[in-house]
Amino acid sequence: MDLPPLLQLVESAQYLITQIEKHPDYQKLDYQPDLTIGDAQSALLYLKCELEDNQQLSVVFESAD
């Protein structure tokens, strides 16, 4: 099974979470979980930064060879 690149999945998840947060049905909810949409967005941002850093390191190491 071919999977899309992880960075692409993270970016898709970021978009979906933003759409959920903006959705009127979500906004109507009296929903107060321990972890929030903002927490999910932060986690995905940290993951994206880590992936981008690793990609940059890979390019540096490949060009050094």
N, C-alpha and C. Protein backbone atom coordinates (compact mmCIF):
# COMPACT_ATOMS: atom_id res chain seq x y z
N MET A 1 0.84 -1.18 0.00
CA MET A 1 0.00 0.00 0.00
C MET A 1 0.88 1.25 0.00
N ASP A 2 0.70 2.08 -0.98
CA ASP A 2 1.48 3.31 -1.07
C ASP A 2 0.87 4.38 -0.17
N LEU A 3 1.68 4.94 0.68
CA LEU A 3 1.23 6.00 1.57
C LEU A 3 1.82 7.33 1.10
N PRO A 4 1.06 8.41 1.26
CA PRO A 4 1.64 9.72 0.93
C PRO A 4 2.75 10.07 1.92
N PRO A 5 3.61 11.00 1.56
CA PRO A 5 4.66 11.42 2.50
C PRO A 5 4.06 11.92 3.81
N LEU A 6 4.75 11.65 4.89
CA LEU A 6 4.26 12.03 6.22
C LEU A 6 4.02 13.53 6.31
N LEU A 7 4.89 14.33 5.75
CA LEU A 7 4.72 15.78 5.80
C LEU A 7 3.40 16.19 5.13
N GLN A 8 3.07 15.55 4.04
CA GLN A 8 1.80 15.84 3.36
C GLN A 8 0.61 15.46 4.25
N LEU A 9 0.70 14.35 4.94
CA LEU A 9 -0.37 13.93 5.85
C LEU A 9 -0.54 14.92 7.01
N VAL A 10 0.58 15.39 7.55
CA VAL A 10 0.54 16.36 8.65
C VAL A 10 -0.12 17.66 8.17
N GLU A 11 0.26 18.12 6.98
CA GLU A 11 -0.33 19.35 6.45
C GLU A 11 -1.83 19.17 6.21
N SER A 12 -2.23 18.00 5.74
CA SER A 12 -3.65 17.71 5.54
C SER A 12 -4.40 17.72 6.87
N ALA A 13 -3.78 17.13 7.88
CA ALA A 13 -4.40 17.11 9.21
C ALA A 13 -4.53 18.52 9.78
N GLN A 14 -3.52 19.36 9.55
CA GLN A 14 -3.60 20.75 10.01
C GLN A 14 -4.78 21.46 9.35
N TYR A 15 -4.95 21.25 8.06
CA TYR A 15 -6.06 21.87 7.35
C TYR A 15 -7.40 21.37 7.90
N LEU A 16 -7.52 20.07 8.09
CA LEU A 16 -8.78 19.51 8.59
C LEU A 16 -9.12 20.02 9.99
N ILE A 17 -8.13 20.11 10.85
CA ILE A 17 -8.38 20.62 12.21
C ILE A 17 -8.85 22.07 12.16
N THR A 18 -8.26 22.85 11.27
CA THR A 18 -8.70 24.24 11.12
C THR A 18 -10.14 24.30 10.64
N GLN A 19 -10.50 23.42 9.72
CA GLN A 19 -11.87 23.40 9.21
C GLN A 19 -12.85 22.96 10.30
N ILE A 20 -12.46 22.00 11.11
CA ILE A 20 -13.30 21.56 12.23
C ILE A 20 -13.53 22.72 13.19
N GLU A 21 -12.46 23.43 13.52
CA GLU A 21 -12.55 24.55 14.47
C GLU A 21 -13.50 25.63 13.96
N LYS A 22 -13.51 25.86 12.64
CA LYS A 22 -14.35 26.90 12.05
C LYS A 22 -15.78 26.45 11.80
N HIS A 23 -16.02 25.15 11.85
CA HIS A 23 -17.34 24.62 11.49
C HIS A 23 -18.40 25.09 12.49
N PRO A 24 -19.53 25.58 11.99
CA PRO A 24 -20.58 26.08 12.89
C PRO A 24 -21.11 25.03 13.85
N ASP A 25 -21.18 23.77 13.42
CA ASP A 25 -21.66 22.71 14.33
C ASP A 25 -20.69 22.50 15.48
N TYR A 26 -19.40 22.61 15.20
CA TYR A 26 -18.40 22.48 16.27
C TYR A 26 -18.49 23.67 17.22
N GLN A 27 -18.64 24.85 16.66
CA GLN A 27 -18.70 26.06 17.48
C GLN A 27 -19.93 26.09 18.38
N LYS A 28 -21.00 25.41 17.99
CA LYS A 28 -22.21 25.36 18.80
C LYS A 28 -22.08 24.43 20.01
N LEU A 29 -21.15 23.52 19.93
CA LEU A 29 -21.00 22.53 21.01
C LEU A 29 -20.53 23.18 22.30
N ASP A 30 -21.03 22.67 23.40
CA ASP A 30 -20.50 23.06 24.71
C ASP A 30 -19.49 21.96 25.08
N TYR A 31 -18.38 21.99 24.37
CA TYR A 31 -17.38 20.92 24.44
C TYR A 31 -16.11 21.49 25.02
N GLN A 32 -15.72 20.97 26.19
CA GLN A 32 -14.53 21.47 26.88
C GLN A 32 -13.64 20.30 27.30
N PRO A 33 -12.95 19.72 26.31
CA PRO A 33 -12.09 18.57 26.62
C PRO A 33 -10.80 19.02 27.31
N ASP A 34 -10.09 18.04 27.87
CA ASP A 34 -8.79 18.33 28.49
C ASP A 34 -7.79 18.84 27.46
N LEU A 35 -7.83 18.25 26.27
CA LEU A 35 -6.96 18.68 25.18
C LEU A 35 -7.83 19.39 24.16
N THR A 36 -7.35 20.51 23.67
CA THR A 36 -8.17 21.35 22.79
C THR A 36 -7.70 21.26 21.34
N ILE A 37 -8.47 21.91 20.47
CA ILE A 37 -8.07 22.04 19.07
C ILE A 37 -6.69 22.71 18.99
N GLY A 38 -6.48 23.70 19.82
CA GLY A 38 -5.18 24.38 19.84
C GLY A 38 -4.04 23.44 20.21
N ASP A 39 -4.30 22.51 21.13
CA ASP A 39 -3.28 21.52 21.50
C ASP A 39 -2.95 20.63 20.30
N ALA A 40 -3.99 20.22 19.58
CA ALA A 40 -3.77 19.39 18.39
C ALA A 40 -2.99 20.15 17.33
N GLN A 41 -3.33 21.43 17.15
CA GLN A 41 -2.61 22.25 16.18
C GLN A 41 -1.14 22.40 16.57
N SER A 42 -0.90 22.60 17.84
CA SER A 42 0.49 22.72 18.33
C SER A 42 1.26 21.43 18.10
N ALA A 43 0.65 20.31 18.41
CA ALA A 43 1.32 19.02 18.23
C ALA A 43 1.68 18.80 16.76
N LEU A 44 0.76 19.13 15.87
CA LEU A 44 1.04 18.97 14.45
C LEU A 44 2.12 19.94 13.97
N LEU A 45 2.11 21.14 14.51
CA LEU A 45 3.14 22.12 14.14
C LEU A 45 4.53 21.63 14.57
N TYR A 46 4.63 21.10 15.79
CA TYR A 46 5.91 20.57 16.26
C TYR A 46 6.37 19.40 15.40
N LEU A 47 5.43 18.53 15.04
CA LEU A 47 5.75 17.39 14.20
C LEU A 47 6.22 17.86 12.82
N LYS A 48 5.52 18.85 12.25
CA LYS A 48 5.90 19.38 10.95
C LYS A 48 7.31 19.99 11.00
N CYS A 49 7.60 20.74 12.03
CA CYS A 49 8.94 21.34 12.18
C CYS A 49 10.01 20.26 12.28
N GLU A 50 9.73 19.21 13.02
CA GLU A 50 10.68 18.11 13.16
C GLU A 50 10.91 17.43 11.81
N LEU A 51 9.86 17.20 11.07
CA LEU A 51 9.98 16.57 9.75
C LEU A 51 10.78 17.45 8.80
N GLU A 52 10.49 18.74 8.81
CA GLU A 52 11.22 19.67 7.93
C GLU A 52 12.69 19.75 8.31
N ASP A 53 12.98 19.77 9.61
CA ASP A 53 14.37 19.78 10.06
C ASP A 53 15.11 18.53 9.60
N ASN A 54 14.44 17.38 9.71
CA ASN A 54 15.05 16.12 9.30
C ASN A 54 15.28 16.09 7.79
N GLN A 55 14.35 16.65 7.03
CA GLN A 55 14.52 16.71 5.58
C GLN A 55 15.70 17.59 5.21
N GLN A 56 15.84 18.72 5.91
CA GLN A 56 16.97 19.61 5.63
C GLN A 56 18.29 18.94 5.96
N LEU A 57 18.31 18.19 7.08
CA LEU A 57 19.54 17.47 7.43
C LEU A 57 19.86 16.42 6.39
N SER A 58 18.86 15.73 5.88
CA SER A 58 19.08 14.72 4.85
C SER A 58 19.68 15.33 3.61
N VAL A 59 19.20 16.49 3.21
CA VAL A 59 19.73 17.17 2.03
C VAL A 59 21.18 17.58 2.27
N VAL A 60 21.49 18.07 3.45
CA VAL A 60 22.86 18.48 3.77
C VAL A 60 23.78 17.27 3.72
N PHE A 61 23.36 16.15 4.33
CA PHE A 61 24.21 14.97 4.36
C PHE A 61 24.36 14.38 2.96
N GLU A 62 23.31 14.40 2.15
CA GLU A 62 23.39 13.87 0.80
C GLU A 62 24.33 14.72 -0.06
N SER A 63 24.29 16.02 0.11
CA SER A 63 25.15 16.89 -0.71
C SER A 63 26.61 16.81 -0.25
N ALA A 64 26.84 16.37 0.99
CA ALA A 64 28.21 16.25 1.49
C ALA A 64 28.87 14.98 0.99
N ASP A 65 28.06 14.01 0.58
CA ASP A 65 28.63 12.73 0.10
C ASP A 65 29.26 12.83 -1.23
